[in-house]
Amino acid sequence: MSPHIRRLREKVGHDLLVLPSVCVLPIDPNGRLLLVEAIDTGQWQTIGGAIEPDESPREAGLREALEEAGVVVELGRLVDAVGGRGFEITYPNGDVVSYVSCVFEATVISGEPNPDGDETSAVAWWAFDDLERAPVSAFTRVLFGTLPLRELLVPQVT
């Protein structure tokens, strides 16, 4: 938990916080998506997290990719900005958050994907056809339902 959110939690306890966040979708040349496995839930999820004070969404995306997956990414286009129903999370400690997330395409430009051992326990590339059966978090499942994943991950025949 960042110092900023810790200070907010001291004032509001576990009550709902609406937070700006970022989601990074690193896609490899084979059309696979890089996901991380969360230590606290054991479920797979996209790379991302809350945007810190004075940090742009792009800066947050770069930071989160390096922190959670050990990779340096080049952020591509903004795919979507999502939030609302389905983007609320209740953490194991009882904290409730509703994220409004900027979603970016990305390409890994250096580093080997590795978990950080703090937030993430594994990092892996997932093919589009495997995502439907992937043991992802409810939040990630809702996110996948809002994004044009097929267009992002499966080469389009023209």
Protein backbone atom coordinates (compact mmCIF):
# COMPACT_ATOMS: atom_id res chain seq x y z
CA MET A 1 0.00 0.00 0.00
CA SER A 2 1.40 3.37 -0.98
CA PRO A 3 1.96 6.06 1.65
CA HIS A 4 -0.75 8.18 -0.01
CA ILE A 5 -3.41 5.46 0.25
CA ARG A 6 -2.25 4.58 3.76
CA ARG A 7 -2.93 8.21 4.81
CA LEU A 8 -6.38 8.08 3.20
CA ARG A 9 -7.16 4.79 4.94
CA GLU A 10 -6.26 6.35 8.30
CA LYS A 11 -9.09 8.84 7.69
CA VAL A 12 -11.77 6.66 6.04
CA GLY A 13 -10.98 3.20 7.36
CA HIS A 14 -12.18 0.41 5.06
CA ASP A 15 -14.83 2.61 3.34
CA LEU A 16 -14.99 2.83 -0.43
CA LEU A 17 -12.26 4.80 -2.19
CA VAL A 18 -12.56 5.63 -5.89
CA LEU A 19 -9.00 5.57 -7.22
CA PRO A 20 -7.38 6.35 -10.56
CA SER A 21 -5.38 3.41 -11.81
CA VAL A 22 -3.59 1.98 -14.78
CA CYS A 23 -3.70 -1.37 -16.57
CA VAL A 24 -0.84 -2.47 -18.82
CA LEU A 25 -1.36 -5.09 -21.53
CA PRO A 26 2.07 -6.26 -22.75
CA ILE A 27 1.54 -8.22 -25.97
CA ASP A 28 4.29 -10.27 -27.59
CA PRO A 29 4.80 -10.86 -31.35
CA ASN A 30 2.84 -14.13 -31.05
CA GLY A 31 -0.22 -12.28 -29.77
CA ARG A 32 0.13 -13.45 -26.17
CA LEU A 33 -0.71 -11.30 -23.15
CA LEU A 34 1.61 -11.04 -20.14
CA LEU A 35 -0.26 -11.60 -16.86
CA VAL A 36 0.89 -11.76 -13.25
CA GLU A 37 -0.29 -14.04 -10.45
CA ALA A 38 -1.22 -12.12 -7.31
CA ILE A 39 0.33 -13.41 -4.09
CA ASP A 40 -2.67 -12.46 -1.95
CA THR A 41 -5.28 -14.32 -4.06
CA GLY A 42 -3.35 -16.81 -6.20
CA GLN A 43 -5.30 -15.55 -9.21
CA TRP A 44 -3.95 -14.19 -12.49
CA GLN A 45 -4.47 -10.55 -13.36
CA THR A 46 -3.27 -7.80 -15.63
CA ILE A 47 -0.30 -5.67 -14.67
CA GLY A 48 -1.34 -2.43 -13.01
CA GLY A 49 -2.34 -0.52 -9.95
CA ALA A 50 -3.14 2.83 -8.46
CA ILE A 51 -1.69 6.01 -9.88
CA GLU A 52 0.36 7.87 -7.29
CA PRO A 53 0.05 11.62 -6.60
CA ASP A 54 1.91 13.69 -9.22
CA GLU A 55 2.30 10.61 -11.45
CA SER A 56 0.82 10.44 -14.94
CA PRO A 57 -1.03 7.29 -16.07
CA ARG A 58 1.86 6.53 -18.44
CA GLU A 59 4.44 6.90 -15.66
CA ALA A 60 2.33 4.62 -13.45
CA GLY A 61 2.11 2.02 -16.22
CA LEU A 62 5.88 1.97 -16.67
CA ARG A 63 6.42 1.72 -12.90
CA GLU A 64 3.86 -1.07 -12.42
CA ALA A 65 5.30 -3.19 -15.26
CA LEU A 66 8.77 -2.96 -13.76
CA GLU A 67 7.56 -3.55 -10.17
CA GLU A 68 5.15 -6.42 -10.81
CA ALA A 69 6.73 -8.22 -13.76
CA GLY A 70 10.35 -7.04 -13.87
CA VAL A 71 10.06 -5.71 -17.42
CA VAL A 72 10.55 -2.38 -19.10
CA VAL A 73 7.71 -1.68 -21.50
CA GLU A 74 6.98 0.79 -24.21
CA LEU A 75 3.39 1.92 -23.81
CA GLY A 76 1.31 2.04 -26.95
CA ARG A 77 -2.14 3.42 -27.47
CA LEU A 78 -4.71 4.02 -24.79
CA VAL A 79 -7.14 1.15 -25.40
CA ASP A 80 -9.89 2.32 -23.04
CA ALA A 81 -10.70 4.01 -19.76
CA VAL A 82 -12.87 1.71 -17.65
CA GLY A 83 -14.65 1.87 -14.32
CA GLY A 84 -18.02 1.58 -12.69
CA ARG A 85 -19.90 -1.62 -11.96
CA GLY A 86 -17.61 -4.62 -11.70
CA PHE A 87 -14.45 -2.63 -11.03
CA GLU A 88 -14.88 -2.67 -7.26
CA ILE A 89 -12.58 -4.81 -5.15
CA THR A 90 -12.78 -5.74 -1.49
CA TYR A 91 -9.30 -6.66 -0.34
CA PRO A 92 -8.68 -9.41 2.24
CA ASN A 93 -8.14 -6.74 4.94
CA GLY A 94 -11.62 -5.28 4.25
CA ASP A 95 -10.53 -2.21 2.26
CA VAL A 96 -13.00 -1.41 -0.53
CA VAL A 97 -11.80 0.27 -3.73
CA SER A 98 -13.46 1.15 -7.01
CA TYR A 99 -10.86 1.63 -9.72
CA VAL A 100 -11.13 3.88 -12.75
CA SER A 101 -8.41 2.54 -15.00
CA CYS A 102 -6.53 3.77 -18.06
CA VAL A 103 -5.76 0.67 -20.15
CA PHE A 104 -2.65 0.73 -22.35
CA GLU A 105 -1.27 -1.63 -24.97
CA ALA A 106 2.41 -2.30 -24.35
CA THR A 107 5.48 -4.03 -25.72
CA VAL A 108 8.26 -5.44 -23.55
CA ILE A 109 11.49 -3.74 -24.62
CA SER A 110 13.85 -5.18 -21.99
CA GLY A 111 13.99 -7.53 -19.07
CA GLU A 112 12.84 -11.09 -18.52
CA PRO A 113 9.39 -11.42 -16.97
CA ASN A 114 9.81 -12.31 -13.29
CA PRO A 115 7.54 -11.94 -10.27
CA ASP A 116 8.53 -9.42 -7.63
CA GLY A 117 7.86 -11.82 -4.72
CA ASP A 118 5.98 -9.05 -2.91
CA GLU A 119 2.80 -8.55 -4.94
CA THR A 120 3.30 -11.23 -7.60
CA SER A 121 4.26 -14.89 -7.37
CA ALA A 122 4.40 -15.76 -11.08
CA VAL A 123 4.48 -14.11 -14.50
CA ALA A 124 3.41 -15.83 -17.73
CA TRP A 125 2.39 -15.21 -21.32
CA TRP A 126 -1.19 -16.26 -22.14
CA ALA A 127 -2.64 -16.94 -25.59
CA PHE A 128 -6.05 -15.51 -26.39
CA ASP A 129 -7.62 -18.99 -26.60
CA ASP A 130 -6.43 -19.77 -23.05
CA LEU A 131 -7.75 -16.60 -21.40
CA GLU A 132 -11.35 -17.81 -21.18
CA ARG A 133 -10.25 -20.74 -18.99
CA ALA A 134 -7.56 -18.85 -17.10
CA PRO A 135 -7.98 -18.65 -13.31
CA VAL A 136 -8.23 -14.85 -13.29
CA SER A 137 -9.68 -12.56 -10.64
CA ALA A 138 -13.27 -11.37 -10.94
CA PHE A 139 -11.95 -7.86 -11.61
CA THR A 140 -9.79 -9.14 -14.48
CA ARG A 141 -12.69 -11.15 -15.91
CA VAL A 142 -14.84 -7.98 -15.98
CA LEU A 143 -11.94 -6.06 -17.53
CA PHE A 144 -11.53 -8.69 -20.24
CA GLY A 145 -15.26 -8.43 -20.96
CA THR A 146 -14.98 -4.70 -21.66
CA LEU A 147 -11.88 -4.79 -23.87
CA PRO A 148 -11.51 -5.78 -27.54
CA LEU A 149 -9.11 -8.61 -26.60
CA ARG A 150 -9.64 -10.55 -29.82
CA GLU A 151 -8.63 -7.47 -31.83
CA LEU A 152 -5.60 -6.90 -29.61
CA LEU A 153 -4.31 -10.46 -29.45
CA VAL A 154 -5.43 -12.31 -32.59
CA PRO A 155 -3.95 -11.15 -35.88
CA GLN A 156 -6.73 -9.93 -38.15
CA VAL A 157 -6.84 -11.33 -41.66
CA THR A 158 -7.49 -8.63 -44.25
